[in-house]
Amino acid sequence: MIIHSSRWPQAALTLRDHAELRCDYLRNLSGVDQETHLEVAYHLLSLTHKHEYCVKVKTDREQASIPSVADVWPTANWNEREAFDLFGIDFPGHPNLVRIMMPDDWVGHPLRKDYEPLDPEV
């Protein structure tokens, strides 16, 4: 399922709260660089109904931004920080969106396909 980023906060609540869906657990989320755009794949589980879903939310490469769902699924907290750090995707509404893996002074986002390290030997 692909959801527009502007509709993602409401869709996330619907996925979690709808009686027939009950996606009560976010297994993980992954940033993906598709070269023309970035996206985040959210892997959701319904522990109640034993269903699995994958929701993709696309965003622009130049101003990558997807609303945070850390208040909907607490497991999104660190996963969003990782996508922010490694792909440069902003998650407005995140409670503490800071780098989690790379040093604070690191330049760029190493999992983007156009990333060029300052020292290719490292």
N, C-alpha and C. Protein backbone atom coordinates (compact mmCIF):
# COMPACT_ATOMS: atom_id res chain seq x y z
N MET A 1 0.85 -1.15 0.00
CA MET A 1 0.00 0.00 0.00
C MET A 1 0.90 1.23 0.00
N ILE A 2 0.61 2.21 -0.82
CA ILE A 2 1.36 3.45 -0.88
C ILE A 2 0.45 4.58 -0.41
N ILE A 3 0.94 5.38 0.53
CA ILE A 3 0.16 6.46 1.11
C ILE A 3 0.93 7.77 0.94
N HIS A 4 0.24 8.82 0.55
CA HIS A 4 0.85 10.14 0.42
C HIS A 4 1.24 10.64 1.81
N SER A 5 2.38 11.30 1.89
CA SER A 5 2.90 11.72 3.20
C SER A 5 1.95 12.66 3.95
N SER A 6 1.19 13.47 3.23
CA SER A 6 0.25 14.38 3.90
C SER A 6 -0.90 13.63 4.58
N ARG A 7 -1.18 12.43 4.12
CA ARG A 7 -2.26 11.63 4.70
C ARG A 7 -1.75 10.57 5.69
N TRP A 8 -0.44 10.50 5.84
CA TRP A 8 0.15 9.45 6.66
C TRP A 8 -0.26 9.50 8.13
N PRO A 9 -0.28 10.66 8.81
CA PRO A 9 -0.67 10.63 10.22
C PRO A 9 -2.06 10.05 10.46
N GLN A 10 -3.04 10.45 9.66
CA GLN A 10 -4.39 9.92 9.83
C GLN A 10 -4.47 8.46 9.42
N ALA A 11 -3.77 8.09 8.34
CA ALA A 11 -3.76 6.69 7.91
C ALA A 11 -3.14 5.80 8.98
N ALA A 12 -2.08 6.28 9.63
CA ALA A 12 -1.44 5.49 10.68
C ALA A 12 -2.41 5.22 11.83
N LEU A 13 -3.15 6.24 12.23
CA LEU A 13 -4.15 6.04 13.29
C LEU A 13 -5.23 5.07 12.87
N THR A 14 -5.67 5.18 11.62
CA THR A 14 -6.68 4.25 11.12
C THR A 14 -6.15 2.82 11.09
N LEU A 15 -4.92 2.65 10.63
CA LEU A 15 -4.32 1.31 10.60
C LEU A 15 -4.22 0.72 12.00
N ARG A 16 -3.89 1.54 12.98
CA ARG A 16 -3.76 1.06 14.35
C ARG A 16 -5.11 0.80 15.01
N ASP A 17 -6.08 1.69 14.79
CA ASP A 17 -7.31 1.67 15.58
C ASP A 17 -8.51 0.98 14.93
N HIS A 18 -8.50 0.82 13.61
CA HIS A 18 -9.65 0.21 12.94
C HIS A 18 -9.80 -1.24 13.40
N ALA A 19 -11.02 -1.62 13.75
CA ALA A 19 -11.29 -2.94 14.34
C ALA A 19 -10.87 -4.09 13.43
N GLU A 20 -10.99 -3.93 12.12
CA GLU A 20 -10.64 -5.02 11.20
C GLU A 20 -9.14 -5.05 10.87
N LEU A 21 -8.43 -3.99 11.18
CA LEU A 21 -7.00 -3.94 10.88
C LEU A 21 -6.14 -4.17 12.12
N ARG A 22 -6.33 -3.33 13.13
CA ARG A 22 -5.60 -3.43 14.40
C ARG A 22 -4.10 -3.64 14.23
N CYS A 23 -3.46 -2.78 13.45
CA CYS A 23 -1.99 -2.84 13.30
C CYS A 23 -1.38 -2.24 14.56
N ASP A 24 -1.27 -3.07 15.58
CA ASP A 24 -0.86 -2.59 16.89
C ASP A 24 0.64 -2.67 17.13
N TYR A 25 1.40 -3.11 16.14
CA TYR A 25 2.85 -3.20 16.32
C TYR A 25 3.58 -2.82 15.03
N LEU A 26 4.51 -1.90 15.16
CA LEU A 26 5.39 -1.54 14.06
C LEU A 26 6.66 -2.37 14.21
N ARG A 27 6.81 -3.36 13.33
CA ARG A 27 7.99 -4.23 13.41
C ARG A 27 9.26 -3.44 13.13
N ASN A 28 9.25 -2.70 12.04
CA ASN A 28 10.36 -1.82 11.72
C ASN A 28 9.96 -0.90 10.58
N LEU A 29 10.81 0.08 10.33
CA LEU A 29 10.64 0.91 9.16
C LEU A 29 12.00 1.04 8.51
N SER A 30 12.00 1.15 7.19
CA SER A 30 13.24 1.19 6.44
C SER A 30 13.20 2.34 5.44
N GLY A 31 14.25 3.12 5.41
CA GLY A 31 14.40 4.12 4.37
C GLY A 31 14.86 3.45 3.09
N VAL A 32 14.39 3.97 1.96
CA VAL A 32 14.76 3.42 0.65
C VAL A 32 15.04 4.58 -0.29
N ASP A 33 16.17 4.51 -0.97
CA ASP A 33 16.52 5.51 -1.98
C ASP A 33 16.17 4.94 -3.34
N GLN A 34 15.16 5.52 -3.99
CA GLN A 34 14.72 5.06 -5.31
C GLN A 34 15.31 5.92 -6.43
N GLU A 35 16.31 6.71 -6.11
CA GLU A 35 17.00 7.63 -7.01
C GLU A 35 16.14 8.83 -7.41
N THR A 36 14.89 8.63 -7.82
CA THR A 36 14.03 9.76 -8.17
C THR A 36 13.33 10.33 -6.94
N HIS A 37 13.22 9.55 -5.91
CA HIS A 37 12.58 9.96 -4.66
C HIS A 37 13.07 9.05 -3.53
N LEU A 38 12.76 9.44 -2.31
CA LEU A 38 13.01 8.60 -1.15
C LEU A 38 11.67 8.09 -0.66
N GLU A 39 11.70 6.96 0.03
CA GLU A 39 10.48 6.46 0.63
C GLU A 39 10.82 5.72 1.92
N VAL A 40 9.82 5.55 2.74
CA VAL A 40 9.96 4.77 3.95
C VAL A 40 8.94 3.65 3.89
N ALA A 41 9.42 2.43 4.12
CA ALA A 41 8.55 1.25 4.16
C ALA A 41 8.31 0.90 5.63
N TYR A 42 7.05 0.91 6.02
CA TYR A 42 6.65 0.60 7.39
C TYR A 42 6.10 -0.82 7.40
N HIS A 43 6.68 -1.68 8.21
CA HIS A 43 6.24 -3.08 8.32
C HIS A 43 5.41 -3.22 9.59
N LEU A 44 4.12 -3.39 9.38
CA LEU A 44 3.15 -3.39 10.47
C LEU A 44 2.60 -4.79 10.72
N LEU A 45 2.30 -5.07 11.98
CA LEU A 45 1.70 -6.34 12.36
C LEU A 45 0.41 -6.10 13.13
N SER A 46 -0.56 -6.96 12.90
CA SER A 46 -1.71 -7.02 13.76
C SER A 46 -1.55 -8.26 14.62
N LEU A 47 -1.20 -8.05 15.86
CA LEU A 47 -1.04 -9.19 16.77
C LEU A 47 -2.40 -9.81 17.07
N THR A 48 -3.45 -9.02 16.96
CA THR A 48 -4.81 -9.50 17.20
C THR A 48 -5.28 -10.43 16.09
N HIS A 49 -5.10 -10.00 14.83
CA HIS A 49 -5.62 -10.75 13.69
C HIS A 49 -4.56 -11.59 12.97
N LYS A 50 -3.31 -11.48 13.41
CA LYS A 50 -2.20 -12.23 12.78
C LYS A 50 -2.01 -11.85 11.31
N HIS A 51 -2.13 -10.55 11.00
CA HIS A 51 -1.92 -10.05 9.64
C HIS A 51 -0.65 -9.21 9.61
N GLU A 52 -0.04 -9.14 8.44
CA GLU A 52 1.13 -8.28 8.23
C GLU A 52 0.84 -7.34 7.06
N TYR A 53 1.32 -6.11 7.18
CA TYR A 53 1.13 -5.11 6.14
C TYR A 53 2.44 -4.38 5.92
N CYS A 54 2.64 -3.93 4.69
CA CYS A 54 3.76 -3.04 4.38
C CYS A 54 3.17 -1.79 3.75
N VAL A 55 3.45 -0.67 4.37
CA VAL A 55 2.97 0.62 3.88
C VAL A 55 4.17 1.43 3.45
N LYS A 56 4.11 1.99 2.24
CA LYS A 56 5.19 2.84 1.76
C LYS A 56 4.71 4.28 1.69
N VAL A 57 5.57 5.18 2.17
CA VAL A 57 5.29 6.60 2.12
C VAL A 57 6.44 7.26 1.37
N LYS A 58 6.10 7.91 0.26
CA LYS A 58 7.11 8.54 -0.59
C LYS A 58 7.34 9.99 -0.18
N THR A 59 8.56 10.47 -0.47
CA THR A 59 8.89 11.87 -0.22
C THR A 59 9.91 12.35 -1.24
N ASP A 60 9.99 13.63 -1.38
CA ASP A 60 10.91 14.27 -2.32
C ASP A 60 12.35 14.10 -1.84
N ARG A 61 13.27 13.94 -2.78
CA ARG A 61 14.70 13.79 -2.42
C ARG A 61 15.27 15.06 -1.81
N GLU A 62 14.90 16.20 -2.39
CA GLU A 62 15.52 17.47 -2.00
C GLU A 62 15.04 17.98 -0.65
N GLN A 63 13.80 17.75 -0.32
CA GLN A 63 13.25 18.17 0.97
C GLN A 63 12.50 16.99 1.57
N ALA A 64 13.24 15.95 1.86
CA ALA A 64 12.65 14.71 2.36
C ALA A 64 12.00 14.92 3.72
N SER A 65 10.70 14.66 3.78
CA SER A 65 9.96 14.89 5.02
C SER A 65 8.73 13.99 5.06
N ILE A 66 8.58 13.26 6.14
CA ILE A 66 7.41 12.41 6.38
C ILE A 66 7.02 12.61 7.84
N PRO A 67 5.76 12.90 8.14
CA PRO A 67 5.36 13.11 9.53
C PRO A 67 5.70 11.91 10.41
N SER A 68 6.17 12.20 11.61
CA SER A 68 6.53 11.15 12.56
C SER A 68 5.29 10.38 13.03
N VAL A 69 5.49 9.09 13.25
CA VAL A 69 4.43 8.27 13.85
C VAL A 69 4.92 7.66 15.16
N ALA A 70 5.91 8.30 15.78
CA ALA A 70 6.43 7.81 17.05
C ALA A 70 5.37 7.85 18.15
N ASP A 71 4.39 8.76 18.03
CA ASP A 71 3.32 8.80 19.02
C ASP A 71 2.26 7.73 18.75
N VAL A 72 2.24 7.17 17.55
CA VAL A 72 1.28 6.10 17.21
C VAL A 72 1.89 4.74 17.57
N TRP A 73 3.13 4.53 17.14
CA TRP A 73 3.86 3.30 17.45
C TRP A 73 5.19 3.69 18.07
N PRO A 74 5.40 3.48 19.35
CA PRO A 74 6.65 3.89 20.01
C PRO A 74 7.91 3.31 19.37
N THR A 75 7.82 2.16 18.71
CA THR A 75 9.01 1.59 18.08
C THR A 75 9.51 2.45 16.92
N ALA A 76 8.70 3.37 16.44
CA ALA A 76 9.12 4.26 15.35
C ALA A 76 10.19 5.24 15.83
N ASN A 77 10.29 5.47 17.11
CA ASN A 77 11.20 6.47 17.64
C ASN A 77 12.63 6.28 17.13
N TRP A 78 13.26 5.18 17.43
CA TRP A 78 14.65 4.95 17.03
C TRP A 78 14.76 4.67 15.54
N ASN A 79 13.77 4.02 14.96
CA ASN A 79 13.80 3.73 13.53
C ASN A 79 13.76 5.02 12.70
N GLU A 80 12.94 5.98 13.11
CA GLU A 80 12.90 7.26 12.41
C GLU A 80 14.22 8.00 12.56
N ARG A 81 14.83 7.91 13.71
CA ARG A 81 16.14 8.54 13.91
C ARG A 81 17.19 7.93 12.99
N GLU A 82 17.13 6.63 12.80
CA GLU A 82 18.07 5.96 11.91
C GLU A 82 17.87 6.42 10.46
N ALA A 83 16.61 6.49 10.01
CA ALA A 83 16.33 6.95 8.64
C ALA A 83 16.72 8.42 8.47
N PHE A 84 16.54 9.21 9.51
CA PHE A 84 16.97 10.61 9.48
C PHE A 84 18.49 10.69 9.32
N ASP A 85 19.19 9.90 10.09
CA ASP A 85 20.65 9.93 10.10
C ASP A 85 21.25 9.41 8.79
N LEU A 86 20.76 8.28 8.30
CA LEU A 86 21.38 7.62 7.16
C LEU A 86 20.82 8.04 5.80
N PHE A 87 19.58 8.56 5.77
CA PHE A 87 18.97 8.99 4.50
C PHE A 87 18.65 10.48 4.45
N GLY A 88 18.65 11.15 5.60
CA GLY A 88 18.34 12.57 5.63
C GLY A 88 16.86 12.87 5.54
N ILE A 89 16.03 11.93 5.95
CA ILE A 89 14.57 12.15 5.93
C ILE A 89 14.16 12.81 7.25
N ASP A 90 13.51 13.95 7.15
CA ASP A 90 13.01 14.67 8.32
C ASP A 90 11.68 14.04 8.75
N PHE A 91 11.46 13.96 10.04
CA PHE A 91 10.21 13.42 10.58
C PHE A 91 9.61 14.45 11.52
N PRO A 92 8.89 15.46 10.97
CA PRO A 92 8.28 16.49 11.83
C PRO A 92 7.37 15.85 12.88
N GLY A 93 7.49 16.35 14.09
CA GLY A 93 6.70 15.82 15.20
C GLY A 93 7.45 14.78 16.02
N HIS A 94 8.63 14.39 15.58
CA HIS A 94 9.43 13.41 16.34
C HIS A 94 9.90 14.04 17.64
N PRO A 95 9.88 13.32 18.75
CA PRO A 95 10.24 13.91 20.04
C PRO A 95 11.74 14.22 20.22
N ASN A 96 12.62 13.58 19.45
CA ASN A 96 14.06 13.81 19.64
C ASN A 96 14.82 13.40 18.38
N LEU A 97 14.61 14.10 17.30
CA LEU A 97 15.19 13.73 16.01
C LEU A 97 16.64 14.22 15.92
N VAL A 98 17.54 13.37 16.39
CA VAL A 98 18.98 13.65 16.33
C VAL A 98 19.67 12.42 15.77
N ARG A 99 20.91 12.61 15.31
CA ARG A 99 21.67 11.50 14.76
C ARG A 99 21.80 10.39 15.81
N ILE A 100 21.78 9.17 15.30
CA ILE A 100 21.82 8.02 16.19
C ILE A 100 23.03 7.13 15.93
N MET A 101 23.56 7.17 14.70
CA MET A 101 24.67 6.29 14.34
C MET A 101 25.93 7.07 13.94
N MET A 102 25.76 8.12 13.19
CA MET A 102 26.90 8.88 12.68
C MET A 102 27.23 10.01 13.67
N PRO A 103 28.49 10.44 13.71
CA PRO A 103 28.85 11.57 14.57
C PRO A 103 28.07 12.84 14.17
N ASP A 104 27.87 13.72 15.12
CA ASP A 104 27.10 14.94 14.86
C ASP A 104 27.69 15.79 13.74
N ASP A 105 29.00 15.73 13.56
CA ASP A 105 29.64 16.56 12.53
C ASP A 105 29.79 15.84 11.18
N TRP A 106 29.18 14.67 11.03
CA TRP A 106 29.26 13.91 9.77
C TRP A 106 28.56 14.67 8.66
N VAL A 107 29.18 14.70 7.49
CA VAL A 107 28.60 15.41 6.35
C VAL A 107 27.91 14.40 5.44
N GLY A 108 26.63 14.62 5.17
CA GLY A 108 25.90 13.76 4.25
C GLY A 108 25.17 12.61 4.94
N HIS A 109 24.58 11.77 4.09
CA HIS A 109 23.76 10.65 4.56
C HIS A 109 24.21 9.40 3.81
N PRO A 110 24.95 8.52 4.47
CA PRO A 110 25.68 7.44 3.81
C PRO A 110 24.86 6.39 3.07
N LEU A 111 23.57 6.27 3.29
CA LEU A 111 22.81 5.26 2.56
C LEU A 111 22.11 5.81 1.32
N ARG A 112 22.29 7.08 1.04
CA ARG A 112 21.77 7.63 -0.22
C ARG A 112 22.66 7.18 -1.37
N LYS A 113 22.05 6.88 -2.48
CA LYS A 113 22.81 6.40 -3.63
C LYS A 113 23.76 7.44 -4.20
N ASP A 114 23.47 8.72 -3.99
CA ASP A 114 24.34 9.77 -4.50
C ASP A 114 25.38 10.23 -3.47
N TYR A 115 25.49 9.53 -2.37
CA TYR A 115 26.44 9.89 -1.32
C TYR A 115 27.87 9.68 -1.79
N GLU A 116 28.68 10.71 -1.60
CA GLU A 116 30.10 10.62 -1.93
C GLU A 116 30.89 10.90 -0.66
N PRO A 117 31.58 9.90 -0.14
CA PRO A 117 32.34 10.12 1.10
C PRO A 117 33.50 11.08 0.85
N LEU A 118 33.84 11.83 1.90
CA LEU A 118 34.95 12.78 1.79
C LEU A 118 36.26 12.03 1.54
N ASP A 119 36.41 10.85 2.13
CA ASP A 119 37.60 10.03 1.94
C ASP A 119 37.14 8.65 1.48
N PRO A 120 37.22 8.35 0.18
CA PRO A 120 36.74 7.07 -0.34
C PRO A 120 37.50 5.85 0.19
N GLU A 121 38.66 6.08 0.81
CA GLU A 121 39.44 4.97 1.37
C GLU A 121 38.86 4.47 2.69
N VAL A 122 38.02 5.28 3.31
CA VAL A 122 37.48 4.91 4.62
C VAL A 122 36.21 4.12 4.45
